[in-house]
Structures are given as structure tokens and as C-alpha cells.
Amino acid sequence: MSSHKPKILYIVTQAQWGGAQRYILELATAFREEFDVTIATGRRGQSEFRILNLEFRIKEFKNLVR
């Protein structure tokens, strides 16, 4: 059996701090021990999550908008 963790991808169009972003952060934090968590954001989102110095993989998509 493989020792790799299952993967979760959370997608949020904007990472300017608000309700959806806080919810994703809470989910990602809760599941990071059991899953390989990645957060996908729009162009400006990456820096908002990186400021928090999180241990999640962050992917930025310049065309991901609301």
C-alpha cells in the first residue's frame, strides 16, 4: 500500500482576507495531517496566504477571477 497522502485542492478566486479565505484556511489546517493540501488562488491571492507563513502548497492562476 502506498504511503502517500490523499490530496485536497482548495480553490478561492481572491485571497483578500474574508469569510471564504478564513474558511479555507480552517479546513486546510484541520486536514493537513491526513492530506496533502494545496490552495489555488487568483493572481493576488498567493501573497495573502504566504504572509501567514503556512505550510501549504500555494498555486496562483492569473486568470482565476470572481
PDB file of N, CA and C in Angstrom:
ATOM      1  N   MET A   1       0.845  -1.186   0.000  1.00  0.00           N
ATOM      2  CA  MET A   1       0.000   0.000   0.000  1.00  0.00           C
ATOM      3  C   MET A   1       0.885   1.241   0.000  1.00  0.00           C
ATOM      4  N   SER A   2       0.470   2.251  -0.708  1.00  0.00           N
ATOM      5  CA  SER A   2       1.244   3.484  -0.831  1.00  0.00           C
ATOM      6  C   SER A   2       1.183   4.308   0.457  1.00  0.00           C
ATOM      7  N   SER A   3       2.294   4.972   0.758  1.00  0.00           N
ATOM      8  CA  SER A   3       2.331   5.812   1.958  1.00  0.00           C
ATOM      9  C   SER A   3       2.005   7.269   1.639  1.00  0.00           C
ATOM     10  N   HIS A   4       1.637   7.546   0.406  1.00  0.00           N
ATOM     11  CA  HIS A   4       1.312   8.918   0.020  1.00  0.00           C
ATOM     12  C   HIS A   4      -0.039   9.333   0.600  1.00  0.00           C
ATOM     13  N   LYS A   5      -0.113  10.586   0.975  1.00  0.00           N
ATOM     14  CA  LYS A   5      -1.372  11.125   1.497  1.00  0.00           C
ATOM     15  C   LYS A   5      -2.316  11.440   0.342  1.00  0.00           C
ATOM     16  N   PRO A   6      -3.607  11.274   0.554  1.00  0.00           N
ATOM     17  CA  PRO A   6      -4.572  11.746  -0.445  1.00  0.00           C
ATOM     18  C   PRO A   6      -4.435  13.262  -0.584  1.00  0.00           C
ATOM     19  N   LYS A   7      -4.820  13.791  -1.724  1.00  0.00           N
ATOM     20  CA  LYS A   7      -4.658  15.221  -1.990  1.00  0.00           C
ATOM     21  C   LYS A   7      -5.986  15.957  -1.926  1.00  0.00           C
ATOM     22  N   ILE A   8      -5.911  17.206  -1.434  1.00  0.00           N
ATOM     23  CA  ILE A   8      -7.062  18.108  -1.428  1.00  0.00           C
ATOM     24  C   ILE A   8      -6.623  19.402  -2.090  1.00  0.00           C
ATOM     25  N   LEU A   9      -7.454  19.909  -2.993  1.00  0.00           N
ATOM     26  CA  LEU A   9      -7.202  21.193  -3.639  1.00  0.00           C
ATOM     27  C   LEU A   9      -8.342  22.130  -3.271  1.00  0.00           C
ATOM     28  N   TYR A  10      -8.017  23.215  -2.582  1.00  0.00           N
ATOM     29  CA  TYR A  10      -8.996  24.261  -2.269  1.00  0.00           C
ATOM     30  C   TYR A  10      -8.789  25.380  -3.272  1.00  0.00           C
ATOM     31  N   ILE A  11      -9.875  25.896  -3.816  1.00  0.00           N
ATOM     32  CA  ILE A  11      -9.799  26.964  -4.818  1.00  0.00           C
ATOM     33  C   ILE A  11     -10.563  28.166  -4.312  1.00  0.00           C
ATOM     34  N   VAL A  12      -9.901  29.313  -4.324  1.00  0.00           N
ATOM     35  CA  VAL A  12     -10.536  30.568  -3.941  1.00  0.00           C
ATOM     36  C   VAL A  12     -10.078  31.634  -4.940  1.00  0.00           C
ATOM     37  N   THR A  13     -11.034  32.396  -5.490  1.00  0.00           N
ATOM     38  CA  THR A  13     -10.676  33.356  -6.533  1.00  0.00           C
ATOM     39  C   THR A  13      -9.850  34.513  -5.998  1.00  0.00           C
ATOM     40  N   GLN A  14     -10.168  34.974  -4.820  1.00  0.00           N
ATOM     41  CA  GLN A  14      -9.422  36.074  -4.218  1.00  0.00           C
ATOM     42  C   GLN A  14      -8.975  35.663  -2.834  1.00  0.00           C
ATOM     43  N   ALA A  15      -7.812  36.105  -2.454  1.00  0.00           N
ATOM     44  CA  ALA A  15      -7.345  35.758  -1.124  1.00  0.00           C
ATOM     45  C   ALA A  15      -7.291  36.977  -0.221  1.00  0.00           C
ATOM     46  N   GLN A  16      -7.928  38.052  -0.630  1.00  0.00           N
ATOM     47  CA  GLN A  16      -8.044  39.189   0.280  1.00  0.00           C
ATOM     48  C   GLN A  16      -8.867  38.689   1.447  1.00  0.00           C
ATOM     49  N   TRP A  17      -8.365  38.904   2.626  1.00  0.00           N
ATOM     50  CA  TRP A  17      -8.896  38.225   3.797  1.00  0.00           C
ATOM     51  C   TRP A  17     -10.376  38.488   4.006  1.00  0.00           C
ATOM     52  N   GLY A  18     -11.136  37.399   4.112  1.00  0.00           N
ATOM     53  CA  GLY A  18     -12.567  37.484   4.327  1.00  0.00           C
ATOM     54  C   GLY A  18     -13.114  36.121   4.697  1.00  0.00           C
ATOM     55  N   GLY A  19     -14.407  35.948   4.573  1.00  0.00           N
ATOM     56  CA  GLY A  19     -15.069  34.732   5.011  1.00  0.00           C
ATOM     57  C   GLY A  19     -14.612  33.471   4.308  1.00  0.00           C
ATOM     58  N   ALA A  20     -14.596  33.471   2.976  1.00  0.00           N
ATOM     59  CA  ALA A  20     -14.203  32.277   2.223  1.00  0.00           C
ATOM     60  C   ALA A  20     -12.751  31.910   2.501  1.00  0.00           C
ATOM     61  N   GLN A  21     -11.908  32.889   2.567  1.00  0.00           N
ATOM     62  CA  GLN A  21     -10.489  32.647   2.798  1.00  0.00           C
ATOM     63  C   GLN A  21     -10.243  32.087   4.201  1.00  0.00           C
ATOM     64  N   ARG A  22     -10.933  32.613   5.160  1.00  0.00           N
ATOM     65  CA  ARG A  22     -10.802  32.122   6.534  1.00  0.00           C
ATOM     66  C   ARG A  22     -11.311  30.671   6.624  1.00  0.00           C
ATOM     67  N   TYR A  23     -12.399  30.389   5.941  1.00  0.00           N
ATOM     68  CA  TYR A  23     -12.961  29.039   5.927  1.00  0.00           C
ATOM     69  C   TYR A  23     -11.985  28.041   5.298  1.00  0.00           C
ATOM     70  N   ILE A  24     -11.393  28.412   4.169  1.00  0.00           N
ATOM     71  CA  ILE A  24     -10.405  27.550   3.518  1.00  0.00           C
ATOM     72  C   ILE A  24      -9.204  27.326   4.425  1.00  0.00           C
ATOM     73  N   LEU A  25      -8.748  28.371   5.072  1.00  0.00           N
ATOM     74  CA  LEU A  25      -7.615  28.233   5.983  1.00  0.00           C
ATOM     75  C   LEU A  25      -7.943  27.277   7.129  1.00  0.00           C
ATOM     76  N   GLU A  26      -9.134  27.376   7.685  1.00  0.00           N
ATOM     77  CA  GLU A  26      -9.540  26.482   8.776  1.00  0.00           C
ATOM     78  C   GLU A  26      -9.615  25.025   8.303  1.00  0.00           C
ATOM     79  N   LEU A  27     -10.182  24.812   7.117  1.00  0.00           N
ATOM     80  CA  LEU A  27     -10.263  23.455   6.574  1.00  0.00           C
ATOM     81  C   LEU A  27      -8.872  22.896   6.274  1.00  0.00           C
ATOM     82  N   ALA A  28      -8.055  23.688   5.614  1.00  0.00           N
ATOM     83  CA  ALA A  28      -6.710  23.236   5.259  1.00  0.00           C
ATOM     84  C   ALA A  28      -5.895  22.905   6.501  1.00  0.00           C
ATOM     85  N   THR A  29      -6.016  23.715   7.523  1.00  0.00           N
ATOM     86  CA  THR A  29      -5.289  23.478   8.765  1.00  0.00           C
ATOM     87  C   THR A  29      -5.778  22.208   9.449  1.00  0.00           C
ATOM     88  N   ALA A  30      -7.083  22.003   9.449  1.00  0.00           N
ATOM     89  CA  ALA A  30      -7.658  20.827  10.100  1.00  0.00           C
ATOM     90  C   ALA A  30      -7.259  19.524   9.406  1.00  0.00           C
ATOM     91  N   PHE A  31      -7.072  19.561   8.093  1.00  0.00           N
ATOM     92  CA  PHE A  31      -6.811  18.345   7.327  1.00  0.00           C
ATOM     93  C   PHE A  31      -5.359  18.148   6.929  1.00  0.00           C
ATOM     94  N   ARG A  32      -4.465  19.029   7.310  1.00  0.00           N
ATOM     95  CA  ARG A  32      -3.092  18.937   6.802  1.00  0.00           C
ATOM     96  C   ARG A  32      -2.317  17.719   7.293  1.00  0.00           C
ATOM     97  N   GLU A  33      -2.704  17.142   8.408  1.00  0.00           N
ATOM     98  CA  GLU A  33      -2.014  15.942   8.890  1.00  0.00           C
ATOM     99  C   GLU A  33      -2.380  14.711   8.058  1.00  0.00           C
ATOM    100  N   GLU A  34      -3.621  14.662   7.588  1.00  0.00           N
ATOM    101  CA  GLU A  34      -4.113  13.489   6.862  1.00  0.00           C
ATOM    102  C   GLU A  34      -4.021  13.620   5.344  1.00  0.00           C
ATOM    103  N   PHE A  35      -3.921  14.868   4.846  1.00  0.00           N
ATOM    104  CA  PHE A  35      -3.972  15.106   3.410  1.00  0.00           C
ATOM    105  C   PHE A  35      -2.836  16.018   2.959  1.00  0.00           C
ATOM    106  N   ASP A  36      -2.475  15.895   1.684  1.00  0.00           N
ATOM    107  CA  ASP A  36      -1.539  16.805   1.043  1.00  0.00           C
ATOM    108  C   ASP A  36      -2.390  17.970   0.516  1.00  0.00           C
ATOM    109  N   VAL A  37      -2.322  19.121   1.177  1.00  0.00           N
ATOM    110  CA  VAL A  37      -3.213  20.248   0.888  1.00  0.00           C
ATOM    111  C   VAL A  37      -2.549  21.260  -0.043  1.00  0.00           C
ATOM    112  N   THR A  38      -3.290  21.664  -1.071  1.00  0.00           N
ATOM    113  CA  THR A  38      -2.876  22.723  -1.974  1.00  0.00           C
ATOM    114  C   THR A  38      -3.992  23.761  -2.011  1.00  0.00           C
ATOM    115  N   ILE A  39      -3.617  25.044  -2.023  1.00  0.00           N
ATOM    116  CA  ILE A  39      -4.584  26.134  -2.140  1.00  0.00           C
ATOM    117  C   ILE A  39      -4.321  26.851  -3.451  1.00  0.00           C
ATOM    118  N   ALA A  40      -5.332  26.927  -4.304  1.00  0.00           N
ATOM    119  CA  ALA A  40      -5.233  27.643  -5.580  1.00  0.00           C
ATOM    120  C   ALA A  40      -5.955  28.974  -5.440  1.00  0.00           C
ATOM    121  N   THR A  41      -5.300  30.040  -5.900  1.00  0.00           N
ATOM    122  CA  THR A  41      -5.877  31.377  -5.791  1.00  0.00           C
ATOM    123  C   THR A  41      -5.717  32.136  -7.096  1.00  0.00           C
ATOM    124  N   GLY A  42      -6.420  33.254  -7.174  1.00  0.00           N
ATOM    125  CA  GLY A  42      -6.237  34.154  -8.290  1.00  0.00           C
ATOM    126  C   GLY A  42      -4.908  34.895  -8.163  1.00  0.00           C
ATOM    127  N   ARG A  43      -4.653  35.778  -9.065  1.00  0.00           N
ATOM    128  CA  ARG A  43      -3.346  36.435  -9.185  1.00  0.00           C
ATOM    129  C   ARG A  43      -2.851  37.075  -7.892  1.00  0.00           C
ATOM    130  N   ARG A  44      -3.682  37.750  -7.161  1.00  0.00           N
ATOM    131  CA  ARG A  44      -3.246  38.446  -5.956  1.00  0.00           C
ATOM    132  C   ARG A  44      -3.317  37.590  -4.705  1.00  0.00           C
ATOM    133  N   GLY A  45      -3.872  36.431  -4.828  1.00  0.00           N
ATOM    134  CA  GLY A  45      -4.119  35.607  -3.658  1.00  0.00           C
ATOM    135  C   GLY A  45      -2.915  34.980  -3.015  1.00  0.00           C
ATOM    136  N   GLN A  46      -1.929  34.671  -3.799  1.00  0.00           N
ATOM    137  CA  GLN A  46      -0.793  33.930  -3.277  1.00  0.00           C
ATOM    138  C   GLN A  46      -0.127  34.651  -2.114  1.00  0.00           C
ATOM    139  N   SER A  47       0.078  35.939  -2.237  1.00  0.00           N
ATOM    140  CA  SER A  47       0.789  36.673  -1.187  1.00  0.00           C
ATOM    141  C   SER A  47       0.002  36.711   0.121  1.00  0.00           C
ATOM    142  N   GLU A  48      -1.311  36.780   0.051  1.00  0.00           N
ATOM    143  CA  GLU A  48      -2.123  36.825   1.265  1.00  0.00           C
ATOM    144  C   GLU A  48      -1.948  35.565   2.099  1.00  0.00           C
ATOM    145  N   PHE A  49      -1.943  34.399   1.454  1.00  0.00           N
ATOM    146  CA  PHE A  49      -1.759  33.160   2.189  1.00  0.00           C
ATOM    147  C   PHE A  49      -0.308  32.980   2.617  1.00  0.00           C
ATOM    148  N   ARG A  50       0.635  33.449   1.818  1.00  0.00           N
ATOM    149  CA  ARG A  50       2.052  33.317   2.169  1.00  0.00           C
ATOM    150  C   ARG A  50       2.419  34.199   3.365  1.00  0.00           C
ATOM    151  N   ILE A  51       1.771  35.335   3.511  1.00  0.00           N
ATOM    152  CA  ILE A  51       2.033  36.212   4.649  1.00  0.00           C
ATOM    153  C   ILE A  51       1.815  35.457   5.957  1.00  0.00           C
ATOM    154  N   LEU A  52       0.877  34.541   5.949  1.00  0.00           N
ATOM    155  CA  LEU A  52       0.558  33.771   7.156  1.00  0.00           C
ATOM    156  C   LEU A  52       1.598  32.685   7.442  1.00  0.00           C
ATOM    157  N   ASN A  53       2.591  32.556   6.543  1.00  0.00           N
ATOM    158  CA  ASN A  53       3.677  31.591   6.708  1.00  0.00           C
ATOM    159  C   ASN A  53       3.138  30.168   6.904  1.00  0.00           C
ATOM    160  N   LEU A  54       2.247  29.783   6.020  1.00  0.00           N
ATOM    161  CA  LEU A  54       1.624  28.468   6.111  1.00  0.00           C
ATOM    162  C   LEU A  54       2.471  27.421   5.421  1.00  0.00           C
ATOM    163  N   GLU A  55       2.255  26.188   5.778  1.00  0.00           N
ATOM    164  CA  GLU A  55       2.996  25.090   5.185  1.00  0.00           C
ATOM    165  C   GLU A  55       2.220  24.427   4.057  1.00  0.00           C
ATOM    166  N   PHE A  56       1.368  25.169   3.392  1.00  0.00           N
ATOM    167  CA  PHE A  56       0.585  24.619   2.293  1.00  0.00           C
ATOM    168  C   PHE A  56       1.199  25.008   0.969  1.00  0.00           C
ATOM    169  N   ARG A  57       1.004  24.150   0.000  1.00  0.00           N
ATOM    170  CA  ARG A  57       1.426  24.489  -1.362  1.00  0.00           C
ATOM    171  C   ARG A  57       0.404  25.500  -1.893  1.00  0.00           C
ATOM    172  N   ILE A  58       0.901  26.600  -2.449  1.00  0.00           N
ATOM    173  CA  ILE A  58       0.030  27.648  -2.995  1.00  0.00           C
ATOM    174  C   ILE A  58       0.272  27.718  -4.499  1.00  0.00           C
ATOM    175  N   LYS A  59      -0.795  27.641  -5.281  1.00  0.00           N
ATOM    176  CA  LYS A  59      -0.717  27.769  -6.736  1.00  0.00           C
ATOM    177  C   LYS A  59      -1.488  29.015  -7.138  1.00  0.00           C
ATOM    178  N   GLU A  60      -0.896  29.811  -7.997  1.00  0.00           N
ATOM    179  CA  GLU A  60      -1.540  31.044  -8.445  1.00  0.00           C
ATOM    180  C   GLU A  60      -1.921  30.917  -9.920  1.00  0.00           C
ATOM    181  N   PHE A  61      -3.163  31.302 -10.216  1.00  0.00           N
ATOM    182  CA  PHE A  61      -3.655  31.294 -11.592  1.00  0.00           C
ATOM    183  C   PHE A  61      -4.091  32.717 -11.936  1.00  0.00           C
ATOM    184  N   LYS A  62      -3.364  33.347 -12.831  1.00  0.00           N
ATOM    185  CA  LYS A  62      -3.603  34.758 -13.127  1.00  0.00           C
ATOM    186  C   LYS A  62      -4.993  35.026 -13.691  1.00  0.00           C
ATOM    187  N   ASN A  63      -5.608  34.034 -14.333  1.00  0.00           N
ATOM    188  CA  ASN A  63      -6.930  34.236 -14.923  1.00  0.00           C
ATOM    189  C   ASN A  63      -8.075  33.757 -14.039  1.00  0.00           C
ATOM    190  N   LEU A  64      -7.766  33.330 -12.839  1.00  0.00           N
ATOM    191  CA  LEU A  64      -8.809  32.898 -11.906  1.00  0.00           C
ATOM    192  C   LEU A  64      -9.379  34.126 -11.228  1.00  0.00           C
ATOM    193  N   VAL A  65     -10.601  34.475 -11.606  1.00  0.00           N
ATOM    194  CA  VAL A  65     -11.238  35.687 -11.058  1.00  0.00           C
ATOM    195  C   VAL A  65     -12.667  35.363 -10.638  1.00  0.00           C
ATOM    196  N   ARG A  66     -13.226  36.270  -9.891  1.00  0.00           N
ATOM    197  CA  ARG A  66     -14.593  36.113  -9.440  1.00  0.00           C
ATOM    198  C   ARG A  66     -15.550  36.272 -10.578  1.00  0.00           C
TER     199      ARG A  66
END
